Amino acid sequence: MRHKIIILGFSFFVSQAAAQPVDSLIQEAYKNNPQLKSFEYQIQAAGFRASSSHAWPAPSIGVEFSQIPTSSANLLNDAISNNYSISQMFMLGGKLSAMSEMEKRKGRVLEQNLGSTRVQLRARIRMSYYQMWLIERQIEVQQRTMSLLNDLEQTMQPHVLTNRMRQADLYTIQAEVASEKAKLNEMKSKRAILQNDMNSLLGRNDLTQVVEIDSVIPSTSFTSSEFQLTERVKQANPSLIAMDRMKEMNEAEITAADRELIPDVMVQAMVMRMPNGMILTGGPRSTDMIQQSAAGLAMQKTDWMYSIMASITLPFAPWSSGRSTAKADEMRVTNLGIDAERSGMQREMIASLRSAMYKYATADSLVRQYQNEIIPLTRQSAEAQTVAYQTGQVPITTVLDSRRMELMKQDDYLMVLMDRQMALIEIEMMVGTPIQ
């Protein structure tokens, strides 16, 4: 019986041939996650907007039949003139290129937002992955505990029947088995919830797909100093870079607003056909010509004329210039607000980085302490209590308490391993890139 009790050590013997590394799941999420796809489409749309902003305004074509007698339905020949015109607006001063540049910089903001979303998605997947790792290791320990207790119960029953052991000890073991079974069911329920969350992050339509977790947690070590990581936060964090891109976009909008004060030119060319000849004045001559046309008599020859017209806008006029100058002032003040917001965000990120590094150092130290001292000592204590129970020195409850303490320390060790991973994930979130 002693050998059946002391086998409850802290080790993992589960082999998972189909285990999926966390990096492969991250790549799957990058490919399938709907939010990332949405950003990619928005970036493409921004590129099309930049192209459309660089296009010239559409020309216009006009046809006019001028001064037709109300008694006539012949638009072509009874009109004083048939006017055919074409006009084009020319936007001077590089306005079109300024508007196109503004749209391009909007696309760069979206690119950094995409990068920030990737960082957040990567962190959430890794957190869920290691939470699943923890719950699966706890389930393994729980299953081994129940197997041990069941074997112990089977071993004790013949001894109870022959009065070599007390019936109360058997009842104690059976109650412990029932309690551990309830805990195991709760753990399996948590595992199912984490599985659903992971499938959602991966962009899978089939939420029943099983994510196989590697039983071996990867090593976590890095040599970067706090100063180096702080500089990487300032230079590589996508959220901070996105705010810089927003300032650049606003600067481009200021340039576009300033160029709105440059006049635009409208050029129009017109060809005029006068079916009744050039008529300079009205009066009897005009009336005679209309009467001749009505009687079918010969008309004067058709004359052709053309005209060219150019007009210029005056956007710098005092009553209209405010539309551009106020927009530029708005963007300048907005950039001041972005500077203040970025400074505050950077300060918070650096503070979070320092806290995460402290958590990592603490968890890493605890991992070594559990491996070298706590786990071996609690195992030795449990084995000693087992020997004492076999010689009748302590009751069975003392043995169970010592085993519970061993399991609790093993569970604490698993938690510390996960805490170390979580601290590393927080550091990478602040830095914006993997640091291992």
Protein backbone atom coordinates (compact mmCIF):
# COMPACT_ATOMS: atom_id res chain seq x y z
CA MET A 1 0.00 0.00 0.00
CA ARG A 2 2.87 2.33 0.69
CA HIS A 3 4.02 2.02 -2.93
CA LYS A 4 0.54 2.85 -4.19
CA ILE A 5 0.48 6.07 -2.21
CA ILE A 6 3.92 7.48 -2.90
CA ILE A 7 3.60 7.28 -6.68
CA LEU A 8 1.73 10.58 -6.65
CA GLY A 9 4.77 12.61 -7.70
CA PHE A 10 4.89 15.72 -9.86
CA SER A 11 5.66 14.66 -13.41
CA PHE A 12 3.98 14.75 -16.81
CA PHE A 13 3.92 11.60 -18.93
CA VAL A 14 1.24 12.57 -21.41
CA SER A 15 2.31 12.33 -25.03
CA GLN A 16 0.51 14.55 -27.52
CA ALA A 17 1.62 13.75 -31.04
CA ALA A 18 -0.94 16.11 -32.50
CA ALA A 19 -0.14 19.04 -30.23
CA GLN A 20 -0.25 22.45 -31.94
CA PRO A 21 2.51 24.95 -31.07
CA VAL A 22 1.21 28.34 -30.09
CA ASP A 23 3.02 30.02 -32.99
CA SER A 24 1.14 27.89 -35.54
CA LEU A 25 -2.15 28.94 -33.94
CA ILE A 26 -1.09 32.59 -34.13
CA GLN A 27 -0.38 32.23 -37.86
CA GLU A 28 -3.79 30.60 -38.33
CA ALA A 29 -5.42 33.53 -36.55
CA TYR A 30 -3.52 36.04 -38.71
CA LYS A 31 -4.93 34.31 -41.76
CA ASN A 32 -8.55 33.84 -40.64
CA ASN A 33 -9.38 36.46 -38.01
CA PRO A 34 -12.24 38.67 -39.34
CA GLN A 35 -11.04 41.83 -37.61
CA LEU A 36 -7.64 41.58 -39.31
CA LYS A 37 -9.33 41.01 -42.65
CA SER A 38 -11.47 44.10 -42.05
CA PHE A 39 -8.35 46.23 -41.52
CA GLU A 40 -6.74 44.81 -44.66
CA TYR A 41 -9.79 45.74 -46.74
CA GLN A 42 -9.84 49.23 -45.18
CA ILE A 43 -6.19 49.70 -46.15
CA GLN A 44 -6.99 48.68 -49.73
CA ALA A 45 -9.93 51.11 -49.73
CA ALA A 46 -7.62 53.90 -48.54
CA GLY A 47 -5.33 53.20 -51.50
CA PHE A 48 -8.27 53.53 -53.91
CA ARG A 49 -9.32 56.79 -52.21
CA ALA A 50 -5.79 58.16 -52.69
CA SER A 51 -5.97 57.32 -56.40
CA SER A 52 -9.40 58.91 -56.79
CA SER A 53 -8.32 62.06 -54.92
CA HIS A 54 -5.53 62.60 -57.44
CA ALA A 55 -7.93 62.57 -60.41
CA TRP A 56 -9.00 65.82 -62.07
CA PRO A 57 -12.55 67.12 -61.74
CA ALA A 58 -14.82 65.87 -64.50
CA PRO A 59 -15.23 68.19 -67.54
CA SER A 60 -18.70 69.33 -68.54
CA ILE A 61 -20.32 69.60 -71.97
CA GLY A 62 -23.28 71.88 -72.68
CA VAL A 63 -25.75 72.43 -75.53
CA GLU A 64 -27.96 75.52 -75.74
CA PHE A 65 -30.61 76.54 -78.29
CA SER A 66 -30.98 80.26 -77.76
CA GLN A 67 -33.96 82.58 -78.44
CA ILE A 68 -36.45 80.29 -80.19
CA PRO A 69 -39.75 81.95 -81.21
CA THR A 70 -42.64 80.61 -79.22
CA SER A 71 -44.50 79.95 -82.49
CA SER A 72 -41.79 77.58 -83.76
CA ALA A 73 -40.83 74.03 -82.81
CA ASN A 74 -37.72 73.93 -85.02
CA LEU A 75 -35.00 74.12 -82.36
CA LEU A 76 -32.13 73.71 -84.75
CA ASN A 77 -32.94 76.29 -87.48
CA ASP A 78 -35.29 78.83 -85.87
CA ALA A 79 -33.02 79.51 -82.89
CA ILE A 80 -30.92 82.63 -83.06
CA SER A 81 -27.88 80.47 -82.14
CA ASN A 82 -26.97 76.91 -81.28
CA ASN A 83 -24.26 76.93 -78.62
CA TYR A 84 -21.97 73.91 -77.98
CA SER A 85 -19.60 74.29 -75.03
CA ILE A 86 -17.03 72.32 -73.07
CA SER A 87 -15.52 73.44 -69.75
CA GLN A 88 -12.84 72.16 -67.40
CA MET A 89 -11.86 73.13 -63.86
CA PHE A 90 -8.12 73.30 -63.19
CA MET A 91 -7.13 72.99 -59.51
CA LEU A 92 -3.81 74.81 -59.15
CA GLY A 93 -1.11 74.76 -56.52
CA GLY A 94 -0.84 70.96 -56.09
CA LYS A 95 -4.23 70.60 -54.42
CA LEU A 96 -4.88 67.20 -55.93
CA SER A 97 -1.51 65.80 -54.84
CA ALA A 98 -2.06 67.21 -51.33
CA MET A 99 -5.45 65.50 -51.04
CA SER A 100 -3.99 62.25 -52.39
CA GLU A 101 -1.15 62.39 -49.86
CA MET A 102 -3.65 62.92 -47.06
CA GLU A 103 -5.52 59.75 -48.07
CA LYS A 104 -2.25 57.81 -48.29
CA ARG A 105 -1.39 58.80 -44.76
CA LYS A 106 -4.80 57.70 -43.58
CA GLY A 107 -3.87 54.31 -45.01
CA ARG A 108 -0.63 54.36 -42.98
CA VAL A 109 -2.64 54.98 -39.81
CA LEU A 110 -4.76 51.93 -40.65
CA GLU A 111 -1.60 49.88 -41.21
CA GLN A 112 -0.42 50.66 -37.68
CA ASN A 113 -3.89 49.95 -36.30
CA LEU A 114 -3.65 46.58 -38.05
CA GLY A 115 -0.27 46.03 -36.41
CA SER A 116 -1.69 46.95 -33.00
CA THR A 117 -4.59 44.53 -33.50
CA ARG A 118 -2.12 41.81 -34.45
CA VAL A 119 -0.18 42.43 -31.22
CA GLN A 120 -3.38 42.26 -29.15
CA LEU A 121 -4.56 39.13 -30.97
CA ARG A 122 -1.21 37.43 -30.50
CA ALA A 123 -1.27 38.22 -26.78
CA ARG A 124 -4.85 36.96 -26.34
CA ILE A 125 -4.08 33.70 -28.15
CA ARG A 126 -0.98 33.09 -26.07
CA MET A 127 -2.84 33.88 -22.85
CA SER A 128 -5.67 31.51 -23.75
CA TYR A 129 -3.15 28.87 -24.84
CA TYR A 130 -1.30 28.90 -21.53
CA GLN A 131 -4.52 29.02 -19.55
CA MET A 132 -5.53 25.86 -21.41
CA TRP A 133 -2.09 24.42 -20.70
CA LEU A 134 -2.58 25.10 -16.98
CA ILE A 135 -6.05 23.57 -16.81
CA GLU A 136 -4.90 20.47 -18.74
CA ARG A 137 -1.96 19.95 -16.40
CA GLN A 138 -4.31 20.36 -13.43
CA ILE A 139 -6.66 17.80 -14.97
CA GLU A 140 -3.75 15.38 -15.37
CA VAL A 141 -2.78 15.79 -11.73
CA GLN A 142 -6.40 15.41 -10.67
CA GLN A 143 -6.82 12.23 -12.73
CA ARG A 144 -3.68 10.72 -11.22
CA THR A 145 -4.93 11.64 -7.78
CA MET A 146 -8.26 9.93 -8.38
CA SER A 147 -6.50 6.87 -9.79
CA LEU A 148 -4.37 6.69 -6.67
CA LEU A 149 -7.33 7.07 -4.36
CA ASN A 150 -9.33 4.45 -6.25
CA ASP A 151 -6.43 2.00 -6.03
CA LEU A 152 -6.07 2.79 -2.36
CA GLU A 153 -9.78 2.17 -1.82
CA GLN A 154 -9.57 -1.20 -3.57
CA THR A 155 -6.57 -2.15 -1.45
CA MET A 156 -8.25 -1.15 1.81
CA GLN A 157 -11.54 -2.99 1.32
CA PRO A 158 -10.18 -6.52 2.05
CA HIS A 159 -8.37 -5.17 5.11
CA VAL A 160 -11.57 -3.58 6.39
CA LEU A 161 -13.48 -6.86 5.94
CA THR A 162 -10.88 -8.67 8.02
CA ASN A 163 -10.86 -5.87 10.64
CA ARG A 164 -7.24 -5.07 9.91
CA MET A 165 -8.24 -1.46 9.07
CA ARG A 166 -11.01 0.77 10.31
CA GLN A 167 -14.22 1.27 8.34
CA ALA A 168 -13.95 5.01 8.99
CA ASP A 169 -10.69 5.17 7.03
CA LEU A 170 -12.42 3.59 4.02
CA TYR A 171 -15.27 6.11 4.24
CA THR A 172 -12.72 8.91 4.38
CA ILE A 173 -11.08 7.68 1.18
CA GLN A 174 -14.46 7.34 -0.58
CA ALA A 175 -15.43 10.89 0.42
CA GLU A 176 -12.11 12.15 -0.92
CA VAL A 177 -12.72 10.37 -4.23
CA ALA A 178 -16.14 12.01 -4.58
CA SER A 179 -14.67 15.44 -3.82
CA GLU A 180 -11.86 15.04 -6.35
CA LYS A 181 -14.34 13.87 -8.98
CA ALA A 182 -16.38 17.06 -8.54
CA LYS A 183 -13.23 19.16 -8.93
CA LEU A 184 -12.32 17.25 -12.09
CA ASN A 185 -15.73 17.95 -13.66
CA GLU A 186 -15.33 21.66 -12.89
CA MET A 187 -11.91 21.69 -14.54
CA LYS A 188 -13.27 20.02 -17.67
CA SER A 189 -16.00 22.66 -17.87
CA LYS A 190 -13.38 25.44 -17.72
CA ARG A 191 -11.40 23.65 -20.42
CA ALA A 192 -14.47 23.64 -22.72
CA ILE A 193 -15.00 27.38 -22.19
CA LEU A 194 -11.36 28.15 -23.01
CA GLN A 195 -11.64 25.94 -26.09
CA ASN A 196 -14.57 28.00 -27.41
CA ASP A 197 -12.73 31.25 -26.78
CA MET A 198 -9.65 29.96 -28.62
CA ASN A 199 -11.66 28.84 -31.67
CA SER A 200 -13.29 32.26 -31.81
CA LEU A 201 -9.91 34.02 -31.74
CA LEU A 202 -8.64 31.72 -34.48
CA GLY A 203 -11.55 32.70 -36.73
CA ARG A 204 -12.84 29.15 -36.98
CA ASN A 205 -16.43 28.60 -38.03
CA ASP A 206 -16.54 25.17 -36.42
CA LEU A 207 -16.33 25.86 -32.69
CA THR A 208 -16.22 22.14 -31.92
CA GLN A 209 -12.68 21.79 -33.28
CA VAL A 210 -10.24 20.69 -30.60
CA VAL A 211 -7.05 22.66 -29.98
CA GLU A 212 -4.35 20.28 -28.82
CA ILE A 213 -2.00 21.92 -26.35
CA ASP A 214 1.66 21.00 -26.10
CA SER A 215 2.29 19.45 -22.69
CA VAL A 216 5.75 21.01 -22.43
CA ILE A 217 5.76 24.71 -21.70
CA PRO A 218 8.50 26.52 -23.67
CA SER A 219 11.47 28.04 -21.94
CA THR A 220 11.27 31.76 -21.27
CA SER A 221 14.44 33.76 -21.12
CA PHE A 222 15.64 37.03 -22.56
CA THR A 223 18.71 39.14 -22.11
CA SER A 224 17.38 42.60 -22.98
CA SER A 225 17.81 45.21 -20.28
CA GLU A 226 15.05 47.49 -19.06
CA PHE A 227 16.58 50.40 -20.97
CA GLN A 228 16.66 48.40 -24.22
CA LEU A 229 13.05 47.30 -23.83
CA THR A 230 11.97 50.83 -22.96
CA GLU A 231 13.56 52.12 -26.16
CA ARG A 232 11.78 49.40 -28.13
CA VAL A 233 8.48 50.49 -26.62
CA LYS A 234 9.10 54.04 -27.78
CA GLN A 235 10.19 53.02 -31.26
CA ALA A 236 8.25 49.83 -32.12
CA ASN A 237 4.92 49.84 -30.29
CA PRO A 238 2.24 49.96 -33.03
CA SER A 239 -0.17 52.03 -30.95
CA LEU A 240 2.42 54.77 -30.43
CA ILE A 241 3.47 54.61 -34.08
CA ALA A 242 -0.21 54.91 -35.08
CA MET A 243 -0.41 58.19 -33.17
CA ASP A 244 2.66 59.45 -35.02
CA ARG A 245 0.98 58.50 -38.28
CA MET A 246 -2.15 60.37 -37.19
CA LYS A 247 -0.03 63.49 -36.71
CA GLU A 248 1.46 63.03 -40.17
CA MET A 249 -2.04 62.65 -41.60
CA ASN A 250 -3.11 65.87 -39.90
CA GLU A 251 -0.03 67.64 -41.22
CA ALA A 252 -1.02 66.53 -44.71
CA GLU A 253 -4.52 67.86 -44.07
CA ILE A 254 -3.04 71.20 -42.95
CA THR A 255 -1.08 71.35 -46.22
CA ALA A 256 -4.24 70.58 -48.19
CA ALA A 257 -6.16 73.26 -46.28
CA ASP A 258 -3.47 75.85 -46.94
CA ARG A 259 -3.51 75.04 -50.64
CA GLU A 260 -7.25 75.59 -50.73
CA LEU A 261 -6.43 79.31 -50.57
CA ILE A 262 -4.83 79.05 -54.04
CA PRO A 263 -7.30 80.10 -56.79
CA ASP A 264 -8.79 77.58 -59.22
CA VAL A 265 -9.27 78.32 -62.90
CA MET A 266 -12.29 77.39 -64.97
CA VAL A 267 -11.76 77.42 -68.79
CA GLN A 268 -14.68 77.15 -71.19
CA ALA A 269 -14.70 76.98 -75.00
CA MET A 270 -17.91 77.52 -76.96
CA VAL A 271 -18.87 77.12 -80.62
CA MET A 272 -21.96 79.07 -81.77
CA ARG A 273 -23.96 78.20 -84.88
CA MET A 274 -26.28 80.96 -86.16
CA PRO A 275 -28.65 79.35 -88.68
CA ASN A 276 -30.10 82.75 -89.72
CA GLY A 277 -26.82 84.58 -89.95
CA MET A 278 -25.33 86.94 -87.47
CA ILE A 279 -28.06 89.08 -85.96
CA LEU A 280 -26.81 92.05 -84.08
CA THR A 281 -30.12 93.71 -83.30
CA GLY A 282 -33.76 92.84 -83.09
CA GLY A 283 -36.60 94.80 -84.67
CA PRO A 284 -38.07 94.65 -88.25
CA ARG A 285 -35.13 92.70 -89.68
CA SER A 286 -35.55 89.92 -87.21
CA THR A 287 -39.31 89.84 -87.82
CA ASP A 288 -38.82 89.69 -91.60
CA MET A 289 -36.43 86.77 -91.25
CA ILE A 290 -38.91 84.83 -89.14
CA GLN A 291 -41.65 85.52 -91.69
CA GLN A 292 -39.38 84.40 -94.54
CA SER A 293 -38.62 81.18 -92.68
CA ALA A 294 -42.32 80.57 -92.13
CA ALA A 295 -43.07 81.16 -95.86
CA GLY A 296 -40.30 78.76 -96.91
CA LEU A 297 -38.30 81.49 -98.62
CA ALA A 298 -34.52 81.53 -98.87
CA MET A 299 -32.72 82.36 -95.64
CA GLN A 300 -29.41 84.06 -94.99
CA LYS A 301 -26.38 81.79 -94.83
CA THR A 302 -25.46 80.09 -91.53
CA ASP A 303 -22.71 81.82 -89.58
CA TRP A 304 -20.30 80.17 -87.10
CA MET A 305 -18.62 81.83 -84.17
CA TYR A 306 -16.64 80.71 -81.16
CA SER A 307 -15.84 82.10 -77.74
CA ILE A 308 -13.40 81.28 -74.96
CA MET A 309 -14.07 82.12 -71.36
CA ALA A 310 -11.92 81.76 -68.26
CA SER A 311 -12.93 82.36 -64.66
CA ILE A 312 -10.92 82.23 -61.45
CA THR A 313 -12.05 81.56 -57.88
CA LEU A 314 -11.07 83.86 -55.03
CA PRO A 315 -10.84 81.54 -51.98
CA PHE A 316 -8.67 84.07 -50.12
CA ALA A 317 -11.56 86.54 -49.97
CA PRO A 318 -12.14 87.56 -46.32
CA TRP A 319 -15.66 86.12 -46.25
CA SER A 320 -14.56 82.69 -47.53
CA SER A 321 -10.93 82.20 -46.43
CA GLY A 322 -11.99 81.13 -42.94
CA ARG A 323 -13.13 77.77 -44.30
CA SER A 324 -9.51 76.83 -45.05
CA THR A 325 -7.65 78.67 -42.30
CA ALA A 326 -9.96 77.40 -39.56
CA LYS A 327 -9.53 73.81 -40.80
CA ALA A 328 -5.74 74.18 -40.67
CA ASP A 329 -5.93 75.63 -37.15
CA GLU A 330 -8.17 72.75 -36.09
CA MET A 331 -5.61 70.19 -37.27
CA ARG A 332 -2.76 72.01 -35.52
CA VAL A 333 -4.65 71.98 -32.21
CA THR A 334 -5.58 68.31 -32.79
CA ASN A 335 -1.90 67.48 -33.15
CA LEU A 336 -1.19 69.15 -29.83
CA GLY A 337 -3.83 66.91 -28.29
CA ILE A 338 -2.27 63.85 -29.93
CA ASP A 339 1.14 64.83 -28.52
CA ALA A 340 -0.31 65.00 -25.02
CA GLU A 341 -2.19 61.73 -25.43
CA ARG A 342 0.86 59.97 -26.83
CA SER A 343 3.03 61.17 -23.98
CA GLY A 344 0.53 59.83 -21.45
CA MET A 345 0.16 56.51 -23.28
CA GLN A 346 3.92 56.06 -23.54
CA ARG A 347 4.32 56.78 -19.83
CA GLU A 348 1.67 54.18 -18.97
CA MET A 349 3.28 51.61 -21.28
CA ILE A 350 6.70 52.08 -19.73
CA ALA A 351 5.19 51.77 -16.24
CA SER A 352 3.37 48.59 -17.32
CA LEU A 353 6.61 47.28 -18.83
CA ARG A 354 8.48 47.78 -15.57
CA SER A 355 5.70 46.08 -13.62
CA ALA A 356 5.66 43.15 -16.05
CA MET A 357 9.44 42.78 -15.80
CA TYR A 358 9.16 42.74 -12.00
CA LYS A 359 6.43 40.08 -12.23
CA TYR A 360 8.58 38.04 -14.58
CA ALA A 361 11.64 38.20 -12.32
CA THR A 362 9.54 37.22 -9.29
CA ALA A 363 7.85 34.32 -11.08
CA ASP A 364 11.15 33.10 -12.53
CA SER A 365 12.72 33.06 -9.07
CA LEU A 366 9.71 31.20 -7.65
CA VAL A 367 9.89 28.59 -10.42
CA ARG A 368 13.44 27.72 -9.42
CA GLN A 369 12.49 27.71 -5.73
CA TYR A 370 9.60 25.32 -6.32
CA GLN A 371 11.76 23.05 -8.46
CA ASN A 372 14.71 22.91 -6.09
CA GLU A 373 13.13 23.16 -2.63
CA ILE A 374 9.37 23.30 -2.18
CA ILE A 375 8.25 20.37 -4.38
CA PRO A 376 10.96 17.93 -3.17
CA LEU A 377 10.34 18.82 0.50
CA THR A 378 6.56 18.43 0.33
CA ARG A 379 6.99 15.09 -1.48
CA GLN A 380 9.35 13.87 1.22
CA SER A 381 6.92 15.01 3.91
CA ALA A 382 4.04 13.13 2.26
CA GLU A 383 6.13 9.98 1.98
CA ALA A 384 7.14 10.23 5.62
CA GLN A 385 3.50 10.51 6.71
CA THR A 386 2.70 7.45 4.61
CA VAL A 387 5.36 5.45 6.43
CA ALA A 388 4.02 6.71 9.76
CA TYR A 389 0.49 5.60 8.83
CA GLN A 390 1.72 2.11 7.93
CA THR A 391 3.28 1.76 11.36
CA GLY A 392 0.13 3.04 13.05
CA GLN A 393 1.63 6.32 14.25
CA VAL A 394 -0.83 8.67 12.44
CA PRO A 395 -4.41 8.31 11.12
CA ILE A 396 -5.31 8.18 7.43
CA THR A 397 -6.51 11.79 7.54
CA THR A 398 -2.95 12.92 8.24
CA VAL A 399 -1.72 11.08 5.16
CA LEU A 400 -4.47 12.65 3.03
CA ASP A 401 -3.68 16.10 4.39
CA SER A 402 -0.03 15.69 3.48
CA ARG A 403 -0.97 14.55 -0.02
CA ARG A 404 -3.33 17.50 -0.39
CA MET A 405 -0.48 19.79 0.61
CA GLU A 406 1.76 18.17 -2.01
CA LEU A 407 -0.91 18.61 -4.68
CA MET A 408 -1.52 22.19 -3.62
CA LYS A 409 2.19 22.98 -3.98
CA GLN A 410 2.24 21.29 -7.36
CA ASP A 411 -0.75 23.40 -8.41
CA ASP A 412 1.04 26.50 -7.11
CA TYR A 413 4.05 25.52 -9.19
CA LEU A 414 1.87 25.28 -12.30
CA MET A 415 0.41 28.70 -11.52
CA VAL A 416 3.89 30.19 -11.16
CA LEU A 417 4.92 28.72 -14.51
CA MET A 418 1.88 30.31 -16.13
CA ASP A 419 2.46 33.61 -14.31
CA ARG A 420 5.94 33.72 -15.82
CA GLN A 421 4.49 33.22 -19.28
CA MET A 422 1.81 35.85 -18.68
CA ALA A 423 4.43 38.37 -17.56
CA LEU A 424 6.42 37.68 -20.73
CA ILE A 425 3.28 38.19 -22.81
CA GLU A 426 2.66 41.55 -21.11
CA ILE A 427 6.23 42.60 -21.88
CA GLU A 428 5.80 41.67 -25.54
CA MET A 429 2.51 43.59 -25.69
CA MET A 430 4.27 46.73 -24.54
CA VAL A 431 7.26 46.21 -26.85
CA GLY A 432 5.02 45.31 -29.78
CA THR A 433 7.20 42.45 -31.03
CA PRO A 434 8.35 39.06 -29.68
CA ILE A 435 11.43 39.46 -27.50
CA GLN A 436 12.67 35.87 -27.22
